[in-house]
Amino acid sequence: MKDYAKRFYKSKEWQKCRAAYIASVGGLCERCRNRGIIKPGYIVHHREYIDPENISDPNILLSFRNLEYLCMDCHNREHFGNRKRYVVEADGTVVARGDIPP
């Protein structure tokens, strides 16, 4: 979680919005469901990403039109493509993706 967004994600407004949104989509990953796969969601994703310029805009932060409930796999694919956030080297060392060349 980015520092500028911590206060928002801990707010009662977000907690209520998040719970209501999850209930509205039945608790399932929306992208998987659209592909005929039934899989529980994990994270409410903002379609338009939150950034320092829009962190105070309720139309972006709390609008159901900007939300999507995703499983971890779909959320990671959204943010990182099909590349993993880490690699395991031959010796078993785990290296964060930010530490290795693309």
PDB file of N, CA and C in Angstrom:
ATOM      1  N   MET A   1       0.842  -1.171   0.000  1.00  0.00           N
ATOM      2  CA  MET A   1       0.000   0.000   0.000  1.00  0.00           C
ATOM      3  C   MET A   1       0.894   1.243   0.000  1.00  0.00           C
ATOM      4  N   LYS A   2       0.594   2.168  -0.874  1.00  0.00           N
ATOM      5  CA  LYS A   2       1.367   3.407  -0.958  1.00  0.00           C
ATOM      6  C   LYS A   2       1.064   4.295   0.247  1.00  0.00           C
ATOM      7  N   ASP A   3       2.062   5.026   0.692  1.00  0.00           N
ATOM      8  CA  ASP A   3       1.901   5.883   1.869  1.00  0.00           C
ATOM      9  C   ASP A   3       0.734   6.855   1.726  1.00  0.00           C
ATOM     10  N   TYR A   4       0.580   7.471   0.545  1.00  0.00           N
ATOM     11  CA  TYR A   4      -0.472   8.467   0.359  1.00  0.00           C
ATOM     12  C   TYR A   4      -1.873   7.856   0.426  1.00  0.00           C
ATOM     13  N   ALA A   5      -1.986   6.526   0.300  1.00  0.00           N
ATOM     14  CA  ALA A   5      -3.295   5.873   0.284  1.00  0.00           C
ATOM     15  C   ALA A   5      -3.646   5.191   1.608  1.00  0.00           C
ATOM     16  N   LYS A   6      -2.719   5.110   2.528  1.00  0.00           N
ATOM     17  CA  LYS A   6      -2.964   4.378   3.784  1.00  0.00           C
ATOM     18  C   LYS A   6      -4.182   4.898   4.528  1.00  0.00           C
ATOM     19  N   ARG A   7      -4.287   6.204   4.652  1.00  0.00           N
ATOM     20  CA  ARG A   7      -5.409   6.790   5.397  1.00  0.00           C
ATOM     21  C   ARG A   7      -6.742   6.410   4.747  1.00  0.00           C
ATOM     22  N   PHE A   8      -6.789   6.480   3.421  1.00  0.00           N
ATOM     23  CA  PHE A   8      -8.022   6.117   2.711  1.00  0.00           C
ATOM     24  C   PHE A   8      -8.394   4.661   2.961  1.00  0.00           C
ATOM     25  N   TYR A   9      -7.452   3.741   2.781  1.00  0.00           N
ATOM     26  CA  TYR A   9      -7.758   2.324   2.915  1.00  0.00           C
ATOM     27  C   TYR A   9      -8.145   1.923   4.336  1.00  0.00           C
ATOM     28  N   LYS A  10      -7.789   2.735   5.315  1.00  0.00           N
ATOM     29  CA  LYS A  10      -8.177   2.462   6.700  1.00  0.00           C
ATOM     30  C   LYS A  10      -9.467   3.175   7.097  1.00  0.00           C
ATOM     31  N   SER A  11     -10.020   3.989   6.202  1.00  0.00           N
ATOM     32  CA  SER A  11     -11.207   4.787   6.517  1.00  0.00           C
ATOM     33  C   SER A  11     -12.463   3.914   6.606  1.00  0.00           C
ATOM     34  N   LYS A  12     -13.418   4.372   7.415  1.00  0.00           N
ATOM     35  CA  LYS A  12     -14.699   3.682   7.524  1.00  0.00           C
ATOM     36  C   LYS A  12     -15.458   3.723   6.209  1.00  0.00           C
ATOM     37  N   GLU A  13     -15.308   4.840   5.467  1.00  0.00           N
ATOM     38  CA  GLU A  13     -15.990   4.958   4.176  1.00  0.00           C
ATOM     39  C   GLU A  13     -15.541   3.852   3.221  1.00  0.00           C
ATOM     40  N   TRP A  14     -14.220   3.618   3.167  1.00  0.00           N
ATOM     41  CA  TRP A  14     -13.717   2.564   2.284  1.00  0.00           C
ATOM     42  C   TRP A  14     -14.152   1.191   2.777  1.00  0.00           C
ATOM     43  N   GLN A  15     -14.075   0.954   4.063  1.00  0.00           N
ATOM     44  CA  GLN A  15     -14.458  -0.354   4.601  1.00  0.00           C
ATOM     45  C   GLN A  15     -15.917  -0.671   4.267  1.00  0.00           C
ATOM     46  N   LYS A  16     -16.805   0.329   4.411  1.00  0.00           N
ATOM     47  CA  LYS A  16     -18.221   0.117   4.087  1.00  0.00           C
ATOM     48  C   LYS A  16     -18.416  -0.091   2.591  1.00  0.00           C
ATOM     49  N   CYS A  17     -17.769   0.731   1.792  1.00  0.00           N
ATOM     50  CA  CYS A  17     -17.881   0.622   0.336  1.00  0.00           C
ATOM     51  C   CYS A  17     -17.364  -0.734  -0.135  1.00  0.00           C
ATOM     52  N   ARG A  18     -16.221  -1.124   0.371  1.00  0.00           N
ATOM     53  CA  ARG A  18     -15.601  -2.398  -0.002  1.00  0.00           C
ATOM     54  C   ARG A  18     -16.534  -3.570   0.313  1.00  0.00           C
ATOM     55  N   ALA A  19     -17.074  -3.592   1.529  1.00  0.00           N
ATOM     56  CA  ALA A  19     -17.972  -4.681   1.934  1.00  0.00           C
ATOM     57  C   ALA A  19     -19.226  -4.708   1.072  1.00  0.00           C
ATOM     58  N   ALA A  20     -19.793  -3.551   0.796  1.00  0.00           N
ATOM     59  CA  ALA A  20     -20.998  -3.481  -0.032  1.00  0.00           C
ATOM     60  C   ALA A  20     -20.700  -3.940  -1.453  1.00  0.00           C
ATOM     61  N   TYR A  21     -19.537  -3.575  -1.979  1.00  0.00           N
ATOM     62  CA  TYR A  21     -19.194  -3.974  -3.339  1.00  0.00           C
ATOM     63  C   TYR A  21     -18.999  -5.485  -3.430  1.00  0.00           C
ATOM     64  N   ILE A  22     -18.282  -6.046  -2.481  1.00  0.00           N
ATOM     65  CA  ILE A  22     -18.064  -7.503  -2.483  1.00  0.00           C
ATOM     66  C   ILE A  22     -19.406  -8.233  -2.443  1.00  0.00           C
ATOM     67  N   ALA A  23     -20.321  -7.755  -1.591  1.00  0.00           N
ATOM     68  CA  ALA A  23     -21.653  -8.376  -1.513  1.00  0.00           C
ATOM     69  C   ALA A  23     -22.396  -8.240  -2.838  1.00  0.00           C
ATOM     70  N   SER A  24     -22.231  -7.098  -3.509  1.00  0.00           N
ATOM     71  CA  SER A  24     -22.964  -6.850  -4.762  1.00  0.00           C
ATOM     72  C   SER A  24     -22.527  -7.775  -5.895  1.00  0.00           C
ATOM     73  N   VAL A  25     -21.305  -8.288  -5.823  1.00  0.00           N
ATOM     74  CA  VAL A  25     -20.816  -9.193  -6.880  1.00  0.00           C
ATOM     75  C   VAL A  25     -20.766 -10.642  -6.392  1.00  0.00           C
ATOM     76  N   GLY A  26     -21.327 -10.901  -5.233  1.00  0.00           N
ATOM     77  CA  GLY A  26     -21.430 -12.270  -4.745  1.00  0.00           C
ATOM     78  C   GLY A  26     -20.133 -12.873  -4.240  1.00  0.00           C
ATOM     79  N   GLY A  27     -19.124 -12.026  -3.997  1.00  0.00           N
ATOM     80  CA  GLY A  27     -17.871 -12.521  -3.429  1.00  0.00           C
ATOM     81  C   GLY A  27     -16.977 -13.274  -4.397  1.00  0.00           C
ATOM     82  N   LEU A  28     -17.308 -13.234  -5.696  1.00  0.00           N
ATOM     83  CA  LEU A  28     -16.527 -13.978  -6.683  1.00  0.00           C
ATOM     84  C   LEU A  28     -15.665 -13.043  -7.519  1.00  0.00           C
ATOM     85  N   CYS A  29     -14.541 -13.566  -7.977  1.00  0.00           N
ATOM     86  CA  CYS A  29     -13.670 -12.816  -8.875  1.00  0.00           C
ATOM     87  C   CYS A  29     -14.443 -12.529 -10.161  1.00  0.00           C
ATOM     88  N   GLU A  30     -14.542 -11.266 -10.497  1.00  0.00           N
ATOM     89  CA  GLU A  30     -15.333 -10.883 -11.666  1.00  0.00           C
ATOM     90  C   GLU A  30     -14.700 -11.320 -12.984  1.00  0.00           C
ATOM     91  N   ARG A  31     -13.399 -11.254 -13.089  1.00  0.00           N
ATOM     92  CA  ARG A  31     -12.743 -11.655 -14.340  1.00  0.00           C
ATOM     93  C   ARG A  31     -12.824 -13.160 -14.545  1.00  0.00           C
ATOM     94  N   CYS A  32     -12.609 -13.921 -13.485  1.00  0.00           N
ATOM     95  CA  CYS A  32     -12.743 -15.382 -13.597  1.00  0.00           C
ATOM     96  C   CYS A  32     -14.176 -15.746 -13.956  1.00  0.00           C
ATOM     97  N   ARG A  33     -15.134 -15.134 -13.287  1.00  0.00           N
ATOM     98  CA  ARG A  33     -16.550 -15.426 -13.550  1.00  0.00           C
ATOM     99  C   ARG A  33     -16.902 -15.137 -15.005  1.00  0.00           C
ATOM    100  N   ASN A  34     -16.343 -14.055 -15.561  1.00  0.00           N
ATOM    101  CA  ASN A  34     -16.604 -13.726 -16.965  1.00  0.00           C
ATOM    102  C   ASN A  34     -16.039 -14.770 -17.922  1.00  0.00           C
ATOM    103  N   ARG A  35     -15.070 -15.554 -17.438  1.00  0.00           N
ATOM    104  CA  ARG A  35     -14.491 -16.641 -18.244  1.00  0.00           C
ATOM    105  C   ARG A  35     -15.115 -17.992 -17.888  1.00  0.00           C
ATOM    106  N   GLY A  36     -16.153 -17.978 -17.067  1.00  0.00           N
ATOM    107  CA  GLY A  36     -16.824 -19.214 -16.694  1.00  0.00           C
ATOM    108  C   GLY A  36     -16.167 -19.958 -15.553  1.00  0.00           C
ATOM    109  N   ILE A  37     -15.265 -19.308 -14.843  1.00  0.00           N
ATOM    110  CA  ILE A  37     -14.555 -19.925 -13.717  1.00  0.00           C
ATOM    111  C   ILE A  37     -15.123 -19.358 -12.421  1.00  0.00           C
ATOM    112  N   ILE A  38     -15.461 -20.223 -11.504  1.00  0.00           N
ATOM    113  CA  ILE A  38     -15.981 -19.786 -10.208  1.00  0.00           C
ATOM    114  C   ILE A  38     -14.829 -19.802  -9.213  1.00  0.00           C
ATOM    115  N   LYS A  39     -14.421 -18.621  -8.791  1.00  0.00           N
ATOM    116  CA  LYS A  39     -13.283 -18.498  -7.888  1.00  0.00           C
ATOM    117  C   LYS A  39     -13.548 -17.316  -6.951  1.00  0.00           C
ATOM    118  N   PRO A  40     -13.300 -17.471  -5.659  1.00  0.00           N
ATOM    119  CA  PRO A  40     -13.532 -16.351  -4.749  1.00  0.00           C
ATOM    120  C   PRO A  40     -12.602 -15.186  -5.047  1.00  0.00           C
ATOM    121  N   GLY A  41     -13.129 -13.990  -4.847  1.00  0.00           N
ATOM    122  CA  GLY A  41     -12.301 -12.802  -4.988  1.00  0.00           C
ATOM    123  C   GLY A  41     -11.417 -12.621  -3.771  1.00  0.00           C
ATOM    124  N   TYR A  42     -10.481 -11.702  -3.882  1.00  0.00           N
ATOM    125  CA  TYR A  42      -9.545 -11.451  -2.795  1.00  0.00           C
ATOM    126  C   TYR A  42      -9.384  -9.961  -2.498  1.00  0.00           C
ATOM    127  N   ILE A  43      -9.418  -9.131  -3.562  1.00  0.00           N
ATOM    128  CA  ILE A  43      -9.131  -7.713  -3.377  1.00  0.00           C
ATOM    129  C   ILE A  43     -10.032  -6.871  -4.275  1.00  0.00           C
ATOM    130  N   VAL A  44     -10.525  -5.773  -3.709  1.00  0.00           N
ATOM    131  CA  VAL A  44     -11.301  -4.829  -4.510  1.00  0.00           C
ATOM    132  C   VAL A  44     -10.297  -3.913  -5.204  1.00  0.00           C
ATOM    133  N   HIS A  45     -10.308  -3.973  -6.524  1.00  0.00           N
ATOM    134  CA  HIS A  45      -9.356  -3.259  -7.374  1.00  0.00           C
ATOM    135  C   HIS A  45     -10.001  -1.997  -7.935  1.00  0.00           C
ATOM    136  N   HIS A  46      -9.252  -0.919  -7.965  1.00  0.00           N
ATOM    137  CA  HIS A  46      -9.707   0.312  -8.610  1.00  0.00           C
ATOM    138  C   HIS A  46      -9.294   0.260 -10.084  1.00  0.00           C
ATOM    139  N   ARG A  47     -10.268   0.279 -10.963  1.00  0.00           N
ATOM    140  CA  ARG A  47      -9.979   0.241 -12.410  1.00  0.00           C
ATOM    141  C   ARG A  47      -9.106   1.425 -12.810  1.00  0.00           C
ATOM    142  N   GLU A  48      -9.503   2.626 -12.369  1.00  0.00           N
ATOM    143  CA  GLU A  48      -8.626   3.782 -12.529  1.00  0.00           C
ATOM    144  C   GLU A  48      -7.781   3.821 -11.269  1.00  0.00           C
ATOM    145  N   TYR A  49      -6.502   3.606 -11.438  1.00  0.00           N
ATOM    146  CA  TYR A  49      -5.617   3.479 -10.291  1.00  0.00           C
ATOM    147  C   TYR A  49      -5.630   4.739  -9.424  1.00  0.00           C
ATOM    148  N   ILE A  50      -5.496   4.519  -8.133  1.00  0.00           N
ATOM    149  CA  ILE A  50      -5.393   5.634  -7.193  1.00  0.00           C
ATOM    150  C   ILE A  50      -3.984   6.207  -7.276  1.00  0.00           C
ATOM    151  N   ASP A  51      -3.921   7.532  -7.297  1.00  0.00           N
ATOM    152  CA  ASP A  51      -2.621   8.200  -7.296  1.00  0.00           C
ATOM    153  C   ASP A  51      -2.711   9.460  -6.433  1.00  0.00           C
ATOM    154  N   PRO A  52      -1.606  10.138  -6.193  1.00  0.00           N
ATOM    155  CA  PRO A  52      -1.636  11.319  -5.317  1.00  0.00           C
ATOM    156  C   PRO A  52      -2.586  12.410  -5.817  1.00  0.00           C
ATOM    157  N   GLU A  53      -2.838  12.497  -7.122  1.00  0.00           N
ATOM    158  CA  GLU A  53      -3.716  13.542  -7.637  1.00  0.00           C
ATOM    159  C   GLU A  53      -5.198  13.234  -7.447  1.00  0.00           C
ATOM    160  N   ASN A  54      -5.581  11.959  -7.402  1.00  0.00           N
ATOM    161  CA  ASN A  54      -7.003  11.652  -7.286  1.00  0.00           C
ATOM    162  C   ASN A  54      -7.385  11.048  -5.933  1.00  0.00           C
ATOM    163  N   ILE A  55      -6.477  11.047  -4.982  1.00  0.00           N
ATOM    164  CA  ILE A  55      -6.721  10.404  -3.684  1.00  0.00           C
ATOM    165  C   ILE A  55      -7.875  11.044  -2.897  1.00  0.00           C
ATOM    166  N   SER A  56      -8.309  12.213  -3.300  1.00  0.00           N
ATOM    167  CA  SER A  56      -9.430  12.869  -2.614  1.00  0.00           C
ATOM    168  C   SER A  56     -10.712  12.856  -3.441  1.00  0.00           C
ATOM    169  N   ASP A  57     -10.724  12.181  -4.561  1.00  0.00           N
ATOM    170  CA  ASP A  57     -11.879  12.178  -5.454  1.00  0.00           C
ATOM    171  C   ASP A  57     -12.784  10.972  -5.174  1.00  0.00           C
ATOM    172  N   PRO A  58     -13.935  11.197  -4.537  1.00  0.00           N
ATOM    173  CA  PRO A  58     -14.814  10.067  -4.209  1.00  0.00           C
ATOM    174  C   PRO A  58     -15.350   9.340  -5.438  1.00  0.00           C
ATOM    175  N   ASN A  59     -15.406  10.017  -6.593  1.00  0.00           N
ATOM    176  CA  ASN A  59     -15.864   9.354  -7.816  1.00  0.00           C
ATOM    177  C   ASN A  59     -14.892   8.271  -8.265  1.00  0.00           C
ATOM    178  N   ILE A  60     -13.651   8.399  -7.898  1.00  0.00           N
ATOM    179  CA  ILE A  60     -12.647   7.389  -8.223  1.00  0.00           C
ATOM    180  C   ILE A  60     -12.507   6.399  -7.078  1.00  0.00           C
ATOM    181  N   LEU A  61     -12.512   6.910  -5.862  1.00  0.00           N
ATOM    182  CA  LEU A  61     -12.261   6.063  -4.697  1.00  0.00           C
ATOM    183  C   LEU A  61     -13.434   5.168  -4.320  1.00  0.00           C
ATOM    184  N   LEU A  62     -14.660   5.688  -4.403  1.00  0.00           N
ATOM    185  CA  LEU A  62     -15.806   4.987  -3.822  1.00  0.00           C
ATOM    186  C   LEU A  62     -16.913   4.630  -4.804  1.00  0.00           C
ATOM    187  N   SER A  63     -16.732   4.893  -6.080  1.00  0.00           N
ATOM    188  CA  SER A  63     -17.758   4.597  -7.069  1.00  0.00           C
ATOM    189  C   SER A  63     -17.682   3.132  -7.506  1.00  0.00           C
ATOM    190  N   PHE A  64     -18.799   2.436  -7.435  1.00  0.00           N
ATOM    191  CA  PHE A  64     -18.843   1.042  -7.877  1.00  0.00           C
ATOM    192  C   PHE A  64     -18.406   0.915  -9.338  1.00  0.00           C
ATOM    193  N   ARG A  65     -18.629   1.951 -10.147  1.00  0.00           N
ATOM    194  CA  ARG A  65     -18.230   1.900 -11.562  1.00  0.00           C
ATOM    195  C   ARG A  65     -16.716   1.783 -11.720  1.00  0.00           C
ATOM    196  N   ASN A  66     -15.978   2.193 -10.691  1.00  0.00           N
ATOM    197  CA  ASN A  66     -14.519   2.142 -10.769  1.00  0.00           C
ATOM    198  C   ASN A  66     -13.936   0.943 -10.014  1.00  0.00           C
ATOM    199  N   LEU A  67     -14.791   0.075  -9.515  1.00  0.00           N
ATOM    200  CA  LEU A  67     -14.309  -1.051  -8.714  1.00  0.00           C
ATOM    201  C   LEU A  67     -14.481  -2.372  -9.446  1.00  0.00           C
ATOM    202  N   GLU A  68     -13.665  -3.319  -9.049  1.00  0.00           N
ATOM    203  CA  GLU A  68     -13.714  -4.665  -9.601  1.00  0.00           C
ATOM    204  C   GLU A  68     -13.171  -5.603  -8.528  1.00  0.00           C
ATOM    205  N   TYR A  69     -13.881  -6.688  -8.259  1.00  0.00           N
ATOM    206  CA  TYR A  69     -13.430  -7.646  -7.257  1.00  0.00           C
ATOM    207  C   TYR A  69     -12.658  -8.749  -7.963  1.00  0.00           C
ATOM    208  N   LEU A  70     -11.395  -8.923  -7.564  1.00  0.00           N
ATOM    209  CA  LEU A  70     -10.501  -9.843  -8.246  1.00  0.00           C
ATOM    210  C   LEU A  70      -9.864 -10.839  -7.290  1.00  0.00           C
ATOM    211  N   CYS A  71      -9.567 -12.029  -7.812  1.00  0.00           N
ATOM    212  CA  CYS A  71      -8.750 -12.979  -7.067  1.00  0.00           C
ATOM    213  C   CYS A  71      -7.305 -12.473  -7.120  1.00  0.00           C
ATOM    214  N   MET A  72      -6.450 -13.050  -6.332  1.00  0.00           N
ATOM    215  CA  MET A  72      -5.061 -12.603  -6.304  1.00  0.00           C
ATOM    216  C   MET A  72      -4.381 -12.783  -7.658  1.00  0.00           C
ATOM    217  N   ASP A  73      -4.657 -13.890  -8.343  1.00  0.00           N
ATOM    218  CA  ASP A  73      -4.045 -14.126  -9.653  1.00  0.00           C
ATOM    219  C   ASP A  73      -4.429 -13.031 -10.650  1.00  0.00           C
ATOM    220  N   CYS A  74      -5.715 -12.695 -10.725  1.00  0.00           N
ATOM    221  CA  CYS A  74      -6.156 -11.661 -11.670  1.00  0.00           C
ATOM    222  C   CYS A  74      -5.618 -10.292 -11.271  1.00  0.00           C
ATOM    223  N   HIS A  75      -5.570 -10.019  -9.993  1.00  0.00           N
ATOM    224  CA  HIS A  75      -5.041  -8.725  -9.538  1.00  0.00           C
ATOM    225  C   HIS A  75      -3.556  -8.613  -9.872  1.00  0.00           C
ATOM    226  N   ASN A  76      -2.811  -9.659  -9.626  1.00  0.00           N
ATOM    227  CA  ASN A  76      -1.382  -9.624  -9.949  1.00  0.00           C
ATOM    228  C   ASN A  76      -1.165  -9.504 -11.456  1.00  0.00           C
ATOM    229  N   ARG A  77      -1.985 -10.186 -12.242  1.00  0.00           N
ATOM    230  CA  ARG A  77      -1.883 -10.088 -13.693  1.00  0.00           C
ATOM    231  C   ARG A  77      -2.150  -8.652 -14.150  1.00  0.00           C
ATOM    232  N   GLU A  78      -3.111  -7.993 -13.516  1.00  0.00           N
ATOM    233  CA  GLU A  78      -3.433  -6.594 -13.842  1.00  0.00           C
ATOM    234  C   GLU A  78      -2.228  -5.690 -13.607  1.00  0.00           C
ATOM    235  N   HIS A  79      -1.569  -5.882 -12.487  1.00  0.00           N
ATOM    236  CA  HIS A  79      -0.478  -4.974 -12.120  1.00  0.00           C
ATOM    237  C   HIS A  79       0.887  -5.401 -12.633  1.00  0.00           C
ATOM    238  N   PHE A  80       1.098  -6.695 -12.816  1.00  0.00           N
ATOM    239  CA  PHE A  80       2.436  -7.182 -13.157  1.00  0.00           C
ATOM    240  C   PHE A  80       2.477  -7.988 -14.454  1.00  0.00           C
ATOM    241  N   GLY A  81       1.369  -8.089 -15.145  1.00  0.00           N
ATOM    242  CA  GLY A  81       1.324  -8.915 -16.344  1.00  0.00           C
ATOM    243  C   GLY A  81       1.463 -10.379 -15.939  1.00  0.00           C
ATOM    244  N   ASN A  82       2.018 -11.170 -16.781  1.00  0.00           N
ATOM    245  CA  ASN A  82       2.212 -12.585 -16.464  1.00  0.00           C
ATOM    246  C   ASN A  82       3.545 -12.838 -15.777  1.00  0.00           C
ATOM    247  N   ARG A  83       4.284 -11.771 -15.530  1.00  0.00           N
ATOM    248  CA  ARG A  83       5.580 -11.924 -14.864  1.00  0.00           C
ATOM    249  C   ARG A  83       5.375 -11.976 -13.354  1.00  0.00           C
ATOM    250  N   LYS A  84       6.092 -12.833 -12.715  1.00  0.00           N
ATOM    251  CA  LYS A  84       5.991 -12.976 -11.264  1.00  0.00           C
ATOM    252  C   LYS A  84       6.676 -11.814 -10.572  1.00  0.00           C
ATOM    253  N   ARG A  85       6.253 -11.561  -9.343  1.00  0.00           N
ATOM    254  CA  ARG A  85       6.834 -10.494  -8.540  1.00  0.00           C
ATOM    255  C   ARG A  85       8.171 -10.910  -7.953  1.00  0.00           C
ATOM    256  N   TYR A  86       8.512 -12.183  -8.107  1.00  0.00           N
ATOM    257  CA  TYR A  86       9.762 -12.701  -7.558  1.00  0.00           C
ATOM    258  C   TYR A  86      10.231 -13.859  -8.429  1.00  0.00           C
ATOM    259  N   VAL A  87      11.474 -14.238  -8.258  1.00  0.00           N
ATOM    260  CA  VAL A  87      11.992 -15.448  -8.894  1.00  0.00           C
ATOM    261  C   VAL A  87      12.733 -16.240  -7.823  1.00  0.00           C
ATOM    262  N   VAL A  88      12.794 -17.531  -8.016  1.00  0.00           N
ATOM    263  CA  VAL A  88      13.565 -18.394  -7.131  1.00  0.00           C
ATOM    264  C   VAL A  88      14.768 -18.868  -7.930  1.00  0.00           C
ATOM    265  N   GLU A  89      15.945 -18.503  -7.459  1.00  0.00           N
ATOM    266  CA  GLU A  89      17.164 -18.876  -8.168  1.00  0.00           C
ATOM    267  C   GLU A  89      17.490 -20.350  -7.921  1.00  0.00           C
ATOM    268  N   ALA A  90      18.437 -20.885  -8.674  1.00  0.00           N
ATOM    269  CA  ALA A  90      18.801 -22.300  -8.585  1.00  0.00           C
ATOM    270  C   ALA A  90      19.208 -22.713  -7.176  1.00  0.00           C
ATOM    271  N   ASP A  91      19.822 -21.793  -6.427  1.00  0.00           N
ATOM    272  CA  ASP A  91      20.250 -22.128  -5.071  1.00  0.00           C
ATOM    273  C   ASP A  91      19.127 -21.977  -4.039  1.00  0.00           C
ATOM    274  N   GLY A  92      17.910 -21.638  -4.512  1.00  0.00           N
ATOM    275  CA  GLY A  92      16.775 -21.496  -3.610  1.00  0.00           C
ATOM    276  C   GLY A  92      16.562 -20.086  -3.080  1.00  0.00           C
ATOM    277  N   THR A  93      17.431 -19.169  -3.425  1.00  0.00           N
ATOM    278  CA  THR A  93      17.294 -17.782  -2.990  1.00  0.00           C
ATOM    279  C   THR A  93      16.109 -17.141  -3.691  1.00  0.00           C
ATOM    280  N   VAL A  94      15.250 -16.460  -2.926  1.00  0.00           N
ATOM    281  CA  VAL A  94      14.115 -15.734  -3.496  1.00  0.00           C
ATOM    282  C   VAL A  94      14.562 -14.302  -3.729  1.00  0.00           C
ATOM    283  N   VAL A  95      14.362 -13.826  -4.961  1.00  0.00           N
ATOM    284  CA  VAL A  95      14.771 -12.488  -5.327  1.00  0.00           C
ATOM    285  C   VAL A  95      13.534 -11.712  -5.793  1.00  0.00           C
ATOM    286  N   ALA A  96      13.283 -10.562  -5.176  1.00  0.00           N
ATOM    287  CA  ALA A  96      12.161  -9.726  -5.581  1.00  0.00           C
ATOM    288  C   ALA A  96      12.348  -9.264  -7.010  1.00  0.00           C
ATOM    289  N   ARG A  97      11.272  -9.202  -7.774  1.00  0.00           N
ATOM    290  CA  ARG A  97      11.335  -8.820  -9.176  1.00  0.00           C
ATOM    291  C   ARG A  97      11.967  -7.445  -9.380  1.00  0.00           C
ATOM    292  N   GLY A  98      11.762  -6.527  -8.458  1.00  0.00           N
ATOM    293  CA  GLY A  98      12.364  -5.204  -8.578  1.00  0.00           C
ATOM    294  C   GLY A  98      13.877  -5.246  -8.505  1.00  0.00           C
ATOM    295  N   ASP A  99      14.442  -6.367  -8.020  1.00  0.00           N
ATOM    296  CA  ASP A  99      15.880  -6.503  -7.875  1.00  0.00           C
ATOM    297  C   ASP A  99      16.529  -7.215  -9.048  1.00  0.00           C
ATOM    298  N   ILE A 100      15.727  -7.667 -10.016  1.00  0.00           N
ATOM    299  CA  ILE A 100      16.301  -8.374 -11.163  1.00  0.00           C
ATOM    300  C   ILE A 100      15.989  -7.600 -12.428  1.00  0.00           C
ATOM    301  N   PRO A 101      16.819  -7.711 -13.415  1.00  0.00           N
ATOM    302  CA  PRO A 101      16.529  -7.005 -14.678  1.00  0.00           C
ATOM    303  C   PRO A 101      15.304  -7.607 -15.354  1.00  0.00           C
ATOM    304  N   PRO A 102      14.526  -6.766 -16.085  1.00  0.00           N
ATOM    305  CA  PRO A 102      13.313  -7.274 -16.760  1.00  0.00           C
ATOM    306  C   PRO A 102      13.638  -8.245 -17.872  1.00  0.00           C
TER     307      PRO A 102
END
